[in-house]
Protein backbone atom coordinates (compact mmCIF):
# COMPACT_ATOMS: atom_id res chain seq x y z
CA UNK A 1 0.63 0.00 0.03
CA UNK A 2 0.84 3.81 -0.97
CA UNK A 3 1.17 6.30 2.36
CA UNK A 4 1.41 9.95 1.04
CA UNK A 5 3.01 12.66 4.25
CA UNK A 6 3.18 16.14 3.22
CA UNK A 7 6.46 17.15 4.93
CA UNK A 8 9.58 19.73 4.51
CA UNK A 9 11.90 19.37 2.35
CA UNK A 10 14.35 19.51 4.66
CA UNK A 11 13.47 16.77 7.02
CA UNK A 12 15.71 15.26 8.86
CA UNK A 13 16.64 11.55 9.34
CA UNK A 14 14.97 12.30 12.96
CA UNK A 15 11.91 13.16 11.02
CA UNK A 16 11.60 10.30 8.71
CA UNK A 17 11.71 8.09 11.63
CA UNK A 18 8.86 9.85 13.93
CA UNK A 19 6.75 9.80 10.12
CA UNK A 20 7.69 6.49 9.58
CA UNK A 21 6.41 4.89 13.25
CA UNK A 22 3.65 7.32 13.24
CA UNK A 23 2.16 6.40 10.52
CA UNK A 24 3.24 3.21 9.11
CA UNK A 25 4.18 1.69 12.13
CA UNK A 26 0.28 2.08 13.66
CA UNK A 27 -1.44 0.42 10.24
CA UNK A 28 0.83 -2.13 9.69
CA UNK A 29 2.67 -2.74 12.12
CA UNK A 30 7.16 -3.52 12.30
CA UNK A 31 8.18 -4.42 8.83
CA UNK A 32 11.06 -7.39 8.47
CA UNK A 33 12.83 -5.48 6.20
CA UNK A 34 12.96 -2.12 4.86
CA UNK A 35 14.50 -1.57 0.96
CA UNK A 36 15.40 2.34 0.40
CA UNK A 37 17.54 4.09 -1.89
CA UNK A 38 21.29 5.88 -1.16
CA UNK A 39 19.52 8.50 0.36
CA UNK A 40 21.47 10.53 2.93
CA UNK A 41 18.77 10.64 5.64
CA UNK A 42 17.98 6.72 5.21
CA UNK A 43 21.56 6.06 5.43
CA UNK A 44 22.34 8.21 8.27
CA UNK A 45 23.00 6.70 11.89
CA UNK A 46 19.82 7.19 13.85
CA UNK A 47 17.86 5.83 11.17
CA UNK A 48 19.88 2.68 10.87
CA UNK A 49 20.35 2.86 15.33
CA UNK A 50 16.34 2.98 15.06
CA UNK A 51 15.65 0.55 13.21
CA UNK A 52 18.39 -1.45 14.37
CA UNK A 53 16.59 -1.65 18.31
CA UNK A 54 13.07 -1.90 16.48
CA UNK A 55 14.85 -5.68 15.23
CA UNK A 56 14.27 -4.28 11.63
CA UNK A 57 16.73 -5.05 9.27
CA UNK A 58 17.55 -2.72 6.25
CA UNK A 59 18.88 -3.41 3.08
CA UNK A 60 19.77 -0.37 0.51
CA UNK A 61 18.94 -0.81 -3.04
CA UNK A 62 22.03 0.16 -6.30
CA UNK A 63 21.29 2.83 -8.37
CA UNK A 64 20.50 1.38 -11.67
CA UNK A 65 20.35 -1.69 -10.44
CA UNK A 66 16.53 -3.30 -11.38
CA UNK A 67 17.52 -6.58 -10.27
CA UNK A 68 17.48 -5.17 -6.19
CA UNK A 69 14.33 -3.08 -6.11
CA UNK A 70 13.32 -2.82 -9.87
CA UNK A 71 9.51 -2.73 -8.88
CA UNK A 72 9.47 -0.18 -6.32
CA UNK A 73 11.40 1.94 -8.67
CA UNK A 74 9.10 1.46 -11.61
CA UNK A 75 6.48 2.05 -9.29
CA UNK A 76 7.81 5.24 -7.51
CA UNK A 77 8.31 6.46 -11.03
CA UNK A 78 5.02 6.12 -11.79
CA UNK A 79 4.18 7.82 -8.22
CA UNK A 80 6.11 10.45 -8.94
CA UNK A 81 4.40 11.43 -12.07
CA UNK A 82 0.65 11.42 -10.46
CA UNK A 83 1.97 13.17 -7.86
CA UNK A 84 4.02 16.04 -10.02
CA UNK A 85 1.03 16.51 -11.85
CA UNK A 86 -1.28 16.48 -8.82
CA UNK A 87 0.77 19.04 -6.93
CA UNK A 88 0.36 21.48 -10.82
CA UNK A 89 -3.19 21.00 -10.35
CA UNK A 90 -4.42 21.48 -7.30
CA UNK A 91 -3.66 24.08 -5.19
CA UNK A 92 -4.44 22.83 -2.09
CA UNK A 93 -2.33 19.75 -2.61
CA UNK A 94 -1.53 18.63 0.95
CA UNK A 95 -4.67 18.92 2.39
CA UNK A 96 -6.26 17.13 -0.19
CA UNK A 97 -3.42 14.03 0.30
CA UNK A 98 -5.18 11.53 1.96
CA UNK A 99 -8.13 11.58 -1.71
CA UNK A 100 -4.56 10.73 -3.73
CA UNK A 101 -4.21 7.84 -1.27
CA UNK A 102 -6.84 6.69 -0.79
CA UNK A 103 -7.44 6.47 -4.81
CA UNK A 104 -3.73 4.92 -5.41
CA UNK A 105 -4.44 2.21 -3.29
CA UNK A 106 -7.38 1.44 -4.78
CA UNK A 107 -6.45 0.70 -8.39
CA UNK A 108 -5.65 -2.13 -9.61
CA UNK A 109 -2.25 -2.80 -9.93
CA UNK A 110 -1.18 -5.06 -12.96
CA UNK A 111 1.66 -6.82 -11.16
CA UNK A 112 -1.07 -8.11 -8.29
CA UNK A 113 -4.67 -7.63 -10.58
CA UNK A 114 -6.20 -6.57 -7.62
CA UNK A 115 -6.05 -3.27 -5.56
CA UNK A 116 -3.68 -2.83 -2.43
CA UNK A 117 -7.19 -2.61 -0.22
CA UNK A 118 -8.42 -5.73 -1.56
CA UNK A 119 -4.74 -7.51 -1.58
CA UNK A 120 -3.94 -6.33 2.79
CA UNK A 121 -8.20 -6.10 3.70
CA UNK A 122 -9.97 -8.87 1.51
CA UNK A 123 -12.67 -6.51 0.76
CA UNK A 124 -12.73 -3.57 -1.62
CA UNK A 125 -13.69 -0.25 0.87
CA UNK A 126 -17.31 2.07 -0.43
CA UNK A 127 -16.23 4.78 -2.57
CA UNK A 128 -18.33 8.11 -2.42
CA UNK A 129 -21.47 7.81 -4.09
CA UNK A 130 -21.94 11.89 -5.49
CA UNK A 131 -24.17 10.70 -7.71
CA UNK A 132 -26.52 9.52 -4.92
CA UNK A 133 -29.78 11.81 -3.65
CA UNK A 134 -28.43 13.47 -1.42
CA UNK A 135 -30.96 16.45 -1.32
CA UNK A 136 -33.10 14.32 1.19
CA UNK A 137 -36.26 16.17 2.03
CA UNK A 138 -37.22 16.06 6.03
CA UNK A 139 -40.71 14.18 5.64
CA UNK A 140 -41.26 14.92 9.35
CA UNK A 141 -40.94 18.65 9.13
CA UNK A 142 -43.34 18.60 6.14
CA UNK A 143 -46.35 16.69 8.22
CA UNK A 144 -45.37 19.58 11.05
CA UNK A 145 -46.34 22.02 8.44
CA UNK A 146 -48.99 20.00 7.16
CA UNK A 147 -50.41 19.47 11.13
CA UNK A 148 -50.26 22.78 11.46
CA UNK A 149 -52.32 23.85 8.98
CA UNK A 150 -55.23 21.50 9.81
CA UNK A 151 -54.98 22.34 13.13
CA UNK A 152 -55.51 26.06 12.24
CA UNK A 153 -58.85 24.45 10.22
CA UNK A 154 -59.78 22.51 13.03
CA UNK A 155 -59.17 25.80 15.36
CA UNK A 156 -61.14 28.07 12.98
CA UNK A 157 -63.81 25.71 12.45
CA UNK A 158 -64.68 24.98 16.11
CA UNK A 159 -64.19 28.54 17.25
CA UNK A 160 -67.00 29.83 14.30
CA UNK A 161 -69.32 26.78 16.16
CA UNK A 162 -68.76 28.14 19.27
CA UNK A 163 -68.55 31.54 18.58
CA UNK A 164 -72.38 31.79 17.12
CA UNK A 165 -73.28 29.59 20.19
CA UNK A 166 -72.14 31.54 22.03
CA UNK A 167 -73.97 34.97 20.45
CA UNK A 168 -76.96 33.21 20.84
CA UNK A 169 -76.69 33.03 24.25
CA UNK A 170 -76.09 36.30 25.88
CA UNK A 171 -74.83 34.91 29.82
CA UNK A 172 -71.74 33.63 27.83
CA UNK A 173 -70.65 36.82 25.77
CA UNK A 174 -67.75 37.77 27.66
CA UNK A 175 -66.45 33.99 27.54
CA UNK A 176 -66.66 34.50 23.55
CA UNK A 177 -64.62 37.15 23.46
CA UNK A 178 -61.71 35.51 26.27
CA UNK A 179 -62.03 32.78 23.78
CA UNK A 180 -61.77 34.58 20.17
CA UNK A 181 -58.68 36.42 22.17
CA UNK A 182 -57.21 32.59 22.19
CA UNK A 183 -58.00 31.21 19.13
CA UNK A 184 -56.19 34.60 18.25
CA UNK A 185 -53.23 34.08 19.87
CA UNK A 186 -52.96 30.25 18.73
CA UNK A 187 -52.99 31.55 15.36
CA UNK A 188 -50.40 34.04 15.79
CA UNK A 189 -48.11 31.16 17.18
CA UNK A 190 -49.36 28.70 14.27
CA UNK A 191 -48.07 31.62 12.55
CA UNK A 192 -44.55 31.40 13.71
CA UNK A 193 -44.11 27.80 13.68
CA UNK A 194 -44.29 28.14 9.63
CA UNK A 195 -41.84 30.36 9.55
CA UNK A 196 -39.35 28.75 11.81
CA UNK A 197 -40.06 25.86 9.93
CA UNK A 198 -39.48 28.04 6.19
CA UNK A 199 -36.10 28.76 8.47
CA UNK A 200 -35.56 25.66 9.23
CA UNK A 201 -35.78 24.51 5.29
CA UNK A 202 -33.90 27.63 4.47
CA UNK A 203 -30.30 26.30 6.73
CA UNK A 204 -31.19 22.91 5.45
CA UNK A 205 -30.73 24.31 1.99
CA UNK A 206 -27.52 25.50 2.94
CA UNK A 207 -26.13 23.18 4.64
CA UNK A 208 -27.01 20.56 1.72
CA UNK A 209 -24.90 23.37 -0.92
CA UNK A 210 -21.81 22.93 1.67
CA UNK A 211 -22.23 19.53 1.85
CA UNK A 212 -22.69 19.08 -1.43
CA UNK A 213 -19.29 21.66 -1.99
CA UNK A 214 -17.62 18.81 0.36
CA UNK A 215 -18.34 16.14 -1.23
CA UNK A 216 -18.25 17.14 -5.24
CA UNK A 217 -13.84 18.50 -4.35
CA UNK A 218 -12.24 15.65 -3.20
CA UNK A 219 -14.71 13.68 -5.73
CA UNK A 220 -12.12 15.90 -8.14
CA UNK A 221 -9.12 14.90 -6.89
CA UNK A 222 -10.20 11.15 -6.60
CA UNK A 223 -10.93 11.50 -10.39
CA UNK A 224 -8.06 13.04 -11.28
CA UNK A 225 -5.56 10.63 -9.52
CA UNK A 226 -7.65 7.68 -10.82
CA UNK A 227 -6.94 9.42 -14.87
CA UNK A 228 -3.55 10.12 -13.78
CA UNK A 229 -2.30 6.59 -12.51
CA UNK A 230 -4.25 5.14 -16.36
CA UNK A 231 -2.45 7.88 -18.14
CA UNK A 232 0.62 6.62 -16.54
CA UNK A 233 0.10 3.18 -16.69
CA UNK A 234 -0.21 3.71 -20.70
CA UNK A 235 3.48 5.80 -20.99
CA UNK A 236 5.14 2.92 -18.95
CA UNK A 237 3.57 0.19 -21.12
CA UNK A 238 5.06 2.23 -24.68
CA UNK A 239 7.70 2.63 -23.17
CA UNK A 240 8.34 -1.11 -22.83
CA UNK A 241 7.68 -1.93 -25.86
CA UNK A 242 9.82 0.84 -27.70
CA UNK A 243 12.82 -0.66 -24.58
CA UNK A 244 11.98 -4.45 -26.06
CA UNK A 245 12.06 -3.32 -30.18
CA UNK A 246 15.21 -1.49 -29.63
CA UNK A 247 16.91 -4.88 -27.90
CA UNK A 248 15.80 -7.24 -30.89
CA UNK A 249 17.19 -4.35 -33.59
């Protein structure tokens, strides 16, 4: 699997060791062997001492020697090309770096015919389904609004009947006036409730737009990396075919 971490160009051997322990160890544990190139960070005494204490054997690859680490070198060339295009295309490249890592680990590798996710966990992860219906309407809010309207109509008819009855009976005229005031207050309360429901719906619409933008930004990165991987693999195949034809001449 590929794990990507944004680090400063001036990172030291101790910084590399911290990154390795904090990111790789927590996910996969300690390796028995670790193959690296001859970068000064990986040949430093601190780096060697740390992994000696952890019981990991360090193996340094030889430059221009495919037999020692040819597969990793080819994979690194593809990764460099992908990351170069990604960094130039996205200003906030460090923010979306986890999505790049996900896209790479969820792409089929020619050597295994499986994704790294499947090789390591024997399952395929769920992916972002941006085309799904995410603008769901809150049914309970609609029901609440309809109930409020129904109550308004029921209260209106009930109040009308009570008012007619009380008008016929002169002794209950004072109670009728009081109940009419209560009905007016109830109508105002129901109106305020409708306004509150409309405000909630407006807030929900704004939240949906923000969430759509959040998801779309990350989905765009994933698709960009997938396209870059396909393009890089095609270039690798073309170069391999050219080399084979050159060797046969």
